[in-house]
PDB file of N, CA and C in Angstrom:
ATOM      1  N   MET A   1       0.834  -1.167   0.000  1.00  0.00           N
ATOM      2  CA  MET A   1       0.000   0.000   0.000  1.00  0.00           C
ATOM      3  C   MET A   1       0.887   1.241   0.000  1.00  0.00           C
ATOM      4  N   ASN A   2       0.712   2.138   0.958  1.00  0.00           N
ATOM      5  CA  ASN A   2       1.540   3.332   1.036  1.00  0.00           C
ATOM      6  C   ASN A   2       2.792   3.052   1.834  1.00  0.00           C
ATOM      7  N   GLN A   3       3.913   3.579   1.357  1.00  0.00           N
ATOM      8  CA  GLN A   3       5.145   3.432   2.102  1.00  0.00           C
ATOM      9  C   GLN A   3       5.236   4.568   3.110  1.00  0.00           C
ATOM     10  N   PRO A   4       5.826   4.295   4.280  1.00  0.00           N
ATOM     11  CA  PRO A   4       5.951   5.362   5.274  1.00  0.00           C
ATOM     12  C   PRO A   4       6.785   6.521   4.732  1.00  0.00           C
ATOM     13  N   ARG A   5       6.352   7.722   5.072  1.00  0.00           N
ATOM     14  CA  ARG A   5       7.088   8.917   4.643  1.00  0.00           C
ATOM     15  C   ARG A   5       8.174   9.235   5.658  1.00  0.00           C
ATOM     16  N   SER A   6       9.260   9.774   5.157  1.00  0.00           N
ATOM     17  CA  SER A   6      10.314  10.208   6.060  1.00  0.00           C
ATOM     18  C   SER A   6       9.904  11.525   6.710  1.00  0.00           C
ATOM     19  N   ASP A   7      10.579  11.881   7.791  1.00  0.00           N
ATOM     20  CA  ASP A   7      10.288  13.160   8.449  1.00  0.00           C
ATOM     21  C   ASP A   7      10.499  14.321   7.491  1.00  0.00           C
ATOM     22  N   ALA A   8      11.521  14.227   6.657  1.00  0.00           N
ATOM     23  CA  ALA A   8      11.790  15.303   5.697  1.00  0.00           C
ATOM     24  C   ALA A   8      10.653  15.432   4.687  1.00  0.00           C
ATOM     25  N   ASP A   9      10.119  14.297   4.225  1.00  0.00           N
ATOM     26  CA  ASP A   9       8.988  14.332   3.291  1.00  0.00           C
ATOM     27  C   ASP A   9       7.765  14.955   3.938  1.00  0.00           C
ATOM     28  N   ARG A  10       7.482  14.565   5.183  1.00  0.00           N
ATOM     29  CA  ARG A  10       6.329  15.127   5.889  1.00  0.00           C
ATOM     30  C   ARG A  10       6.479  16.633   6.067  1.00  0.00           C
ATOM     31  N   MET A  11       7.658  17.060   6.464  1.00  0.00           N
ATOM     32  CA  MET A  11       7.881  18.491   6.668  1.00  0.00           C
ATOM     33  C   MET A  11       7.768  19.256   5.360  1.00  0.00           C
ATOM     34  N   ARG A  12       8.304  18.694   4.289  1.00  0.00           N
ATOM     35  CA  ARG A  12       8.240  19.343   2.976  1.00  0.00           C
ATOM     36  C   ARG A  12       6.794  19.465   2.518  1.00  0.00           C
ATOM     37  N   ARG A  13       6.019  18.395   2.676  1.00  0.00           N
ATOM     38  CA  ARG A  13       4.599  18.445   2.302  1.00  0.00           C
ATOM     39  C   ARG A  13       3.855  19.476   3.140  1.00  0.00           C
ATOM     40  N   ARG A  14       4.122  19.492   4.436  1.00  0.00           N
ATOM     41  CA  ARG A  14       3.457  20.450   5.323  1.00  0.00           C
ATOM     42  C   ARG A  14       3.850  21.882   4.944  1.00  0.00           C
ATOM     43  N   ASP A  15       5.130  22.102   4.699  1.00  0.00           N
ATOM     44  CA  ASP A  15       5.580  23.444   4.317  1.00  0.00           C
ATOM     45  C   ASP A  15       4.941  23.889   3.006  1.00  0.00           C
ATOM     46  N   LEU A  16       4.866  22.997   2.024  1.00  0.00           N
ATOM     47  CA  LEU A  16       4.249  23.335   0.743  1.00  0.00           C
ATOM     48  C   LEU A  16       2.769  23.633   0.927  1.00  0.00           C
ATOM     49  N   HIS A  17       2.101  22.805   1.717  1.00  0.00           N
ATOM     50  CA  HIS A  17       0.672  23.023   1.967  1.00  0.00           C
ATOM     51  C   HIS A  17       0.455  24.358   2.665  1.00  0.00           C
ATOM     52  N   ASP A  18       1.228  24.610   3.714  1.00  0.00           N
ATOM     53  CA  ASP A  18       1.067  25.857   4.458  1.00  0.00           C
ATOM     54  C   ASP A  18       1.366  27.074   3.589  1.00  0.00           C
ATOM     55  N   ALA A  19       2.405  26.983   2.775  1.00  0.00           N
ATOM     56  CA  ALA A  19       2.745  28.102   1.904  1.00  0.00           C
ATOM     57  C   ALA A  19       1.640  28.347   0.880  1.00  0.00           C
ATOM     58  N   ALA A  20       1.107  27.275   0.302  1.00  0.00           N
ATOM     59  CA  ALA A  20       0.044  27.417  -0.694  1.00  0.00           C
ATOM     60  C   ALA A  20      -1.229  27.970  -0.068  1.00  0.00           C
ATOM     61  N   ALA A  21      -1.481  27.599   1.176  1.00  0.00           N
ATOM     62  CA  ALA A  21      -2.689  28.056   1.852  1.00  0.00           C
ATOM     63  C   ALA A  21      -2.490  29.394   2.564  1.00  0.00           C
ATOM     64  N   GLY A  22      -1.269  29.898   2.566  1.00  0.00           N
ATOM     65  CA  GLY A  22      -0.990  31.157   3.245  1.00  0.00           C
ATOM     66  C   GLY A  22      -1.025  31.033   4.755  1.00  0.00           C
ATOM     67  N   LEU A  23      -0.787  29.816   5.253  1.00  0.00           N
ATOM     68  CA  LEU A  23      -0.847  29.581   6.694  1.00  0.00           C
ATOM     69  C   LEU A  23       0.493  29.855   7.347  1.00  0.00           C
ATOM     70  N   THR A  24       0.457  30.551   8.438  1.00  0.00           N
ATOM     71  CA  THR A  24       1.680  30.786   9.201  1.00  0.00           C
ATOM     72  C   THR A  24       1.457  30.555  10.692  1.00  0.00           C
ATOM     73  N   GLY A  25       0.218  30.311  11.079  1.00  0.00           N
ATOM     74  CA  GLY A  25      -0.110  30.144  12.491  1.00  0.00           C
ATOM     75  C   GLY A  25      -0.117  28.699  12.915  1.00  0.00           C
ATOM     76  N   PRO A  26      -0.827  28.403  14.010  1.00  0.00           N
ATOM     77  CA  PRO A  26      -0.901  27.033  14.521  1.00  0.00           C
ATOM     78  C   PRO A  26      -1.549  26.085  13.518  1.00  0.00           C
ATOM     79  N   ARG A  27      -1.175  24.830  13.619  1.00  0.00           N
ATOM     80  CA  ARG A  27      -1.692  23.789  12.722  1.00  0.00           C
ATOM     81  C   ARG A  27      -2.996  23.229  13.267  1.00  0.00           C
ATOM     82  N   LEU A  28      -3.995  23.130  12.407  1.00  0.00           N
ATOM     83  CA  LEU A  28      -5.246  22.485  12.773  1.00  0.00           C
ATOM     84  C   LEU A  28      -5.027  20.978  12.779  1.00  0.00           C
ATOM     85  N   LEU A  29      -5.352  20.336  13.887  1.00  0.00           N
ATOM     86  CA  LEU A  29      -5.154  18.896  14.012  1.00  0.00           C
ATOM     87  C   LEU A  29      -6.387  18.135  13.537  1.00  0.00           C
ATOM     88  N   PRO A  30      -6.199  16.876  13.106  1.00  0.00           N
ATOM     89  CA  PRO A  30      -7.319  16.093  12.565  1.00  0.00           C
ATOM     90  C   PRO A  30      -8.168  15.412  13.633  1.00  0.00           C
ATOM     91  N   TRP A  31      -8.315  16.026  14.783  1.00  0.00           N
ATOM     92  CA  TRP A  31      -9.197  15.521  15.811  1.00  0.00           C
ATOM     93  C   TRP A  31      -9.727  16.704  16.618  1.00  0.00           C
ATOM     94  N   THR A  32     -10.730  16.431  17.451  1.00  0.00           N
ATOM     95  CA  THR A  32     -11.324  17.468  18.279  1.00  0.00           C
ATOM     96  C   THR A  32     -11.204  17.090  19.748  1.00  0.00           C
ATOM     97  N   THR A  33     -11.535  18.047  20.609  1.00  0.00           N
ATOM     98  CA  THR A  33     -11.560  17.779  22.049  1.00  0.00           C
ATOM     99  C   THR A  33     -12.800  16.948  22.360  1.00  0.00           C
ATOM    100  N   PRO A  34     -12.897  16.395  23.557  1.00  0.00           N
ATOM    101  CA  PRO A  34     -14.114  15.661  23.925  1.00  0.00           C
ATOM    102  C   PRO A  34     -15.377  16.524  23.825  1.00  0.00           C
ATOM    103  N   GLU A  35     -15.213  17.836  23.932  1.00  0.00           N
ATOM    104  CA  GLU A  35     -16.358  18.746  23.810  1.00  0.00           C
ATOM    105  C   GLU A  35     -16.656  19.106  22.358  1.00  0.00           C
ATOM    106  N   GLY A  36     -15.857  18.592  21.433  1.00  0.00           N
ATOM    107  CA  GLY A  36     -16.081  18.858  20.013  1.00  0.00           C
ATOM    108  C   GLY A  36     -15.398  20.102  19.478  1.00  0.00           C
ATOM    109  N   LYS A  37     -14.519  20.708  20.272  1.00  0.00           N
ATOM    110  CA  LYS A  37     -13.806  21.911  19.831  1.00  0.00           C
ATOM    111  C   LYS A  37     -12.589  21.523  18.997  1.00  0.00           C
ATOM    112  N   LEU A  38     -12.209  22.413  18.074  1.00  0.00           N
ATOM    113  CA  LEU A  38     -11.044  22.171  17.232  1.00  0.00           C
ATOM    114  C   LEU A  38      -9.772  22.186  18.060  1.00  0.00           C
ATOM    115  N   CYS A  39      -8.789  21.411  17.631  1.00  0.00           N
ATOM    116  CA  CYS A  39      -7.486  21.362  18.292  1.00  0.00           C
ATOM    117  C   CYS A  39      -6.428  21.948  17.362  1.00  0.00           C
ATOM    118  N   TYR A  40      -5.545  22.733  17.923  1.00  0.00           N
ATOM    119  CA  TYR A  40      -4.453  23.337  17.173  1.00  0.00           C
ATOM    120  C   TYR A  40      -3.145  23.005  17.851  1.00  0.00           C
ATOM    121  N   LEU A  41      -2.071  23.017  17.057  1.00  0.00           N
ATOM    122  CA  LEU A  41      -0.747  22.725  17.575  1.00  0.00           C
ATOM    123  C   LEU A  41       0.230  23.740  17.018  1.00  0.00           C
ATOM    124  N   SER A  42       0.958  24.381  17.891  1.00  0.00           N
ATOM    125  CA  SER A  42       2.037  25.263  17.466  1.00  0.00           C
ATOM    126  C   SER A  42       3.271  24.377  17.332  1.00  0.00           C
ATOM    127  N   THR A  43       3.751  24.213  16.101  1.00  0.00           N
ATOM    128  CA  THR A  43       4.806  23.235  15.850  1.00  0.00           C
ATOM    129  C   THR A  43       5.706  23.668  14.710  1.00  0.00           C
ATOM    130  N   ASP A  44       6.880  23.106  14.691  1.00  0.00           N
ATOM    131  CA  ASP A  44       7.788  23.295  13.562  1.00  0.00           C
ATOM    132  C   ASP A  44       7.697  22.107  12.607  1.00  0.00           C
ATOM    133  N   GLY A  45       6.697  21.242  12.813  1.00  0.00           N
ATOM    134  CA  GLY A  45       6.517  20.076  11.953  1.00  0.00           C
ATOM    135  C   GLY A  45       7.206  18.836  12.462  1.00  0.00           C
ATOM    136  N   ARG A  46       7.855  18.929  13.596  1.00  0.00           N
ATOM    137  CA  ARG A  46       8.541  17.780  14.186  1.00  0.00           C
ATOM    138  C   ARG A  46       7.898  17.445  15.511  1.00  0.00           C
ATOM    139  N   GLY A  47       8.174  16.274  15.986  1.00  0.00           N
ATOM    140  CA  GLY A  47       7.685  15.885  17.298  1.00  0.00           C
ATOM    141  C   GLY A  47       6.570  14.861  17.206  1.00  0.00           C
ATOM    142  N   TYR A  48       6.250  14.310  18.369  1.00  0.00           N
ATOM    143  CA  TYR A  48       5.290  13.218  18.441  1.00  0.00           C
ATOM    144  C   TYR A  48       3.919  13.616  17.908  1.00  0.00           C
ATOM    145  N   LEU A  49       3.360  14.733  18.380  1.00  0.00           N
ATOM    146  CA  LEU A  49       2.010  15.108  17.961  1.00  0.00           C
ATOM    147  C   LEU A  49       1.952  15.462  16.481  1.00  0.00           C
ATOM    148  N   ALA A  50       2.970  16.131  15.962  1.00  0.00           N
ATOM    149  CA  ALA A  50       2.994  16.458  14.534  1.00  0.00           C
ATOM    150  C   ALA A  50       3.039  15.179  13.701  1.00  0.00           C
ATOM    151  N   ASN A  51       3.855  14.215  14.111  1.00  0.00           N
ATOM    152  CA  ASN A  51       3.930  12.937  13.390  1.00  0.00           C
ATOM    153  C   ASN A  51       2.626  12.162  13.502  1.00  0.00           C
ATOM    154  N   LEU A  52       2.013  12.175  14.689  1.00  0.00           N
ATOM    155  CA  LEU A  52       0.733  11.504  14.868  1.00  0.00           C
ATOM    156  C   LEU A  52      -0.322  12.121  13.960  1.00  0.00           C
ATOM    157  N   ALA A  53      -0.373  13.447  13.906  1.00  0.00           N
ATOM    158  CA  ALA A  53      -1.329  14.129  13.033  1.00  0.00           C
ATOM    159  C   ALA A  53      -1.077  13.774  11.572  1.00  0.00           C
ATOM    160  N   ASP A  54       0.195  13.747  11.156  1.00  0.00           N
ATOM    161  CA  ASP A  54       0.524  13.365   9.773  1.00  0.00           C
ATOM    162  C   ASP A  54       0.011  11.963   9.464  1.00  0.00           C
ATOM    163  N   ASN A  55       0.237  11.030  10.392  1.00  0.00           N
ATOM    164  CA  ASN A  55      -0.194   9.650  10.168  1.00  0.00           C
ATOM    165  C   ASN A  55      -1.715   9.537  10.114  1.00  0.00           C
ATOM    166  N   ILE A  56      -2.408  10.222  10.996  1.00  0.00           N
ATOM    167  CA  ILE A  56      -3.872  10.179  10.990  1.00  0.00           C
ATOM    168  C   ILE A  56      -4.408  10.794   9.704  1.00  0.00           C
ATOM    169  N   GLU A  57      -3.839  11.924   9.273  1.00  0.00           N
ATOM    170  CA  GLU A  57      -4.278  12.549   8.021  1.00  0.00           C
ATOM    171  C   GLU A  57      -4.044  11.620   6.841  1.00  0.00           C
ATOM    172  N   SER A  58      -2.927  10.907   6.850  1.00  0.00           N
ATOM    173  CA  SER A  58      -2.634   9.963   5.775  1.00  0.00           C
ATOM    174  C   SER A  58      -3.683   8.848   5.727  1.00  0.00           C
ATOM    175  N   VAL A  59      -4.059   8.331   6.890  1.00  0.00           N
ATOM    176  CA  VAL A  59      -5.096   7.296   6.959  1.00  0.00           C
ATOM    177  C   VAL A  59      -6.428   7.857   6.466  1.00  0.00           C
ATOM    178  N   GLN A  60      -6.773   9.079   6.899  1.00  0.00           N
ATOM    179  CA  GLN A  60      -8.030   9.690   6.477  1.00  0.00           C
ATOM    180  C   GLN A  60      -8.073   9.889   4.962  1.00  0.00           C
ATOM    181  N   ILE A  61      -6.970  10.325   4.378  1.00  0.00           N
ATOM    182  CA  ILE A  61      -6.912  10.512   2.924  1.00  0.00           C
ATOM    183  C   ILE A  61      -7.072   9.176   2.220  1.00  0.00           C
ATOM    184  N   GLY A  62      -6.400   8.148   2.719  1.00  0.00           N
ATOM    185  CA  GLY A  62      -6.528   6.815   2.132  1.00  0.00           C
ATOM    186  C   GLY A  62      -7.953   6.293   2.205  1.00  0.00           C
ATOM    187  N   MET A  63      -8.609   6.520   3.345  1.00  0.00           N
ATOM    188  CA  MET A  63      -9.994   6.078   3.493  1.00  0.00           C
ATOM    189  C   MET A  63     -10.906   6.859   2.544  1.00  0.00           C
ATOM    190  N   GLY A  64     -10.630   8.136   2.370  1.00  0.00           N
ATOM    191  CA  GLY A  64     -11.416   8.947   1.439  1.00  0.00           C
ATOM    192  C   GLY A  64     -11.271   8.456   0.012  1.00  0.00           C
ATOM    193  N   LYS A  65     -10.045   8.099  -0.370  1.00  0.00           N
ATOM    194  CA  LYS A  65      -9.809   7.565  -1.722  1.00  0.00           C
ATOM    195  C   LYS A  65     -10.576   6.263  -1.929  1.00  0.00           C
ATOM    196  N   GLU A  66     -10.527   5.387  -0.933  1.00  0.00           N
ATOM    197  CA  GLU A  66     -11.246   4.109  -1.035  1.00  0.00           C
ATOM    198  C   GLU A  66     -12.752   4.338  -1.144  1.00  0.00           C
ATOM    199  N   LEU A  67     -13.263   5.276  -0.381  1.00  0.00           N
ATOM    200  CA  LEU A  67     -14.691   5.579  -0.426  1.00  0.00           C
ATOM    201  C   LEU A  67     -15.098   6.123  -1.796  1.00  0.00           C
ATOM    202  N   LEU A  68     -14.273   6.991  -2.371  1.00  0.00           N
ATOM    203  CA  LEU A  68     -14.565   7.517  -3.708  1.00  0.00           C
ATOM    204  C   LEU A  68     -14.551   6.408  -4.758  1.00  0.00           C
ATOM    205  N   GLU A  69     -13.578   5.499  -4.656  1.00  0.00           N
ATOM    206  CA  GLU A  69     -13.532   4.380  -5.599  1.00  0.00           C
ATOM    207  C   GLU A  69     -14.776   3.509  -5.463  1.00  0.00           C
ATOM    208  N   TYR A  70     -15.197   3.262  -4.226  1.00  0.00           N
ATOM    209  CA  TYR A  70     -16.398   2.468  -3.990  1.00  0.00           C
ATOM    210  C   TYR A  70     -17.623   3.164  -4.577  1.00  0.00           C
ATOM    211  N   ALA A  71     -17.724   4.466  -4.361  1.00  0.00           N
ATOM    212  CA  ALA A  71     -18.866   5.229  -4.882  1.00  0.00           C
ATOM    213  C   ALA A  71     -18.880   5.209  -6.411  1.00  0.00           C
ATOM    214  N   ARG A  72     -17.714   5.314  -7.024  1.00  0.00           N
ATOM    215  CA  ARG A  72     -17.649   5.264  -8.489  1.00  0.00           C
ATOM    216  C   ARG A  72     -18.106   3.909  -9.009  1.00  0.00           C
ATOM    217  N   ASP A  73     -17.688   2.857  -8.323  1.00  0.00           N
ATOM    218  CA  ASP A  73     -18.086   1.498  -8.752  1.00  0.00           C
ATOM    219  C   ASP A  73     -19.570   1.231  -8.501  1.00  0.00           C
ATOM    220  N   ALA A  74     -20.140   1.876  -7.485  1.00  0.00           N
ATOM    221  CA  ALA A  74     -21.519   1.610  -7.111  1.00  0.00           C
ATOM    222  C   ALA A  74     -22.539   2.397  -7.935  1.00  0.00           C
ATOM    223  N   ARG A  75     -22.107   3.466  -8.571  1.00  0.00           N
ATOM    224  CA  ARG A  75     -23.092   4.265  -9.322  1.00  0.00           C
ATOM    225  C   ARG A  75     -23.468   3.548 -10.618  1.00  0.00           C
ATOM    226  N   PRO A  76     -24.687   3.754 -11.054  1.00  0.00           N
ATOM    227  CA  PRO A  76     -25.146   3.085 -12.291  1.00  0.00           C
ATOM    228  C   PRO A  76     -24.444   3.690 -13.507  1.00  0.00           C
ATOM    229  N   PRO A  77     -24.246   2.887 -14.549  1.00  0.00           N
ATOM    230  CA  PRO A  77     -23.599   3.412 -15.753  1.00  0.00           C
ATOM    231  C   PRO A  77     -24.457   4.510 -16.399  1.00  0.00           C
ATOM    232  N   ALA A  78     -23.774   5.453 -16.999  1.00  0.00           N
ATOM    233  CA  ALA A  78     -24.477   6.591 -17.633  1.00  0.00           C
ATOM    234  C   ALA A  78     -25.039   6.216 -18.978  1.00  0.00           C
TER     235      ALA A  78
END
């Protein structure tokens, strides 16, 4: 399936994404608090939480791709 990304690859992707989006502040994390509030992390792209967020986002993207493929296969032919 997907090969693990190196820390340098993750940082490069994050930097490119942030630059393209004009982001310079805290990073929005892919989870919420128990109360449903958004979570942010002030980070340089390294560390346990940044890596955890990268891994969770990667899983979420993979699941989204699989869901789209399933939806394409399930729709009736045009």
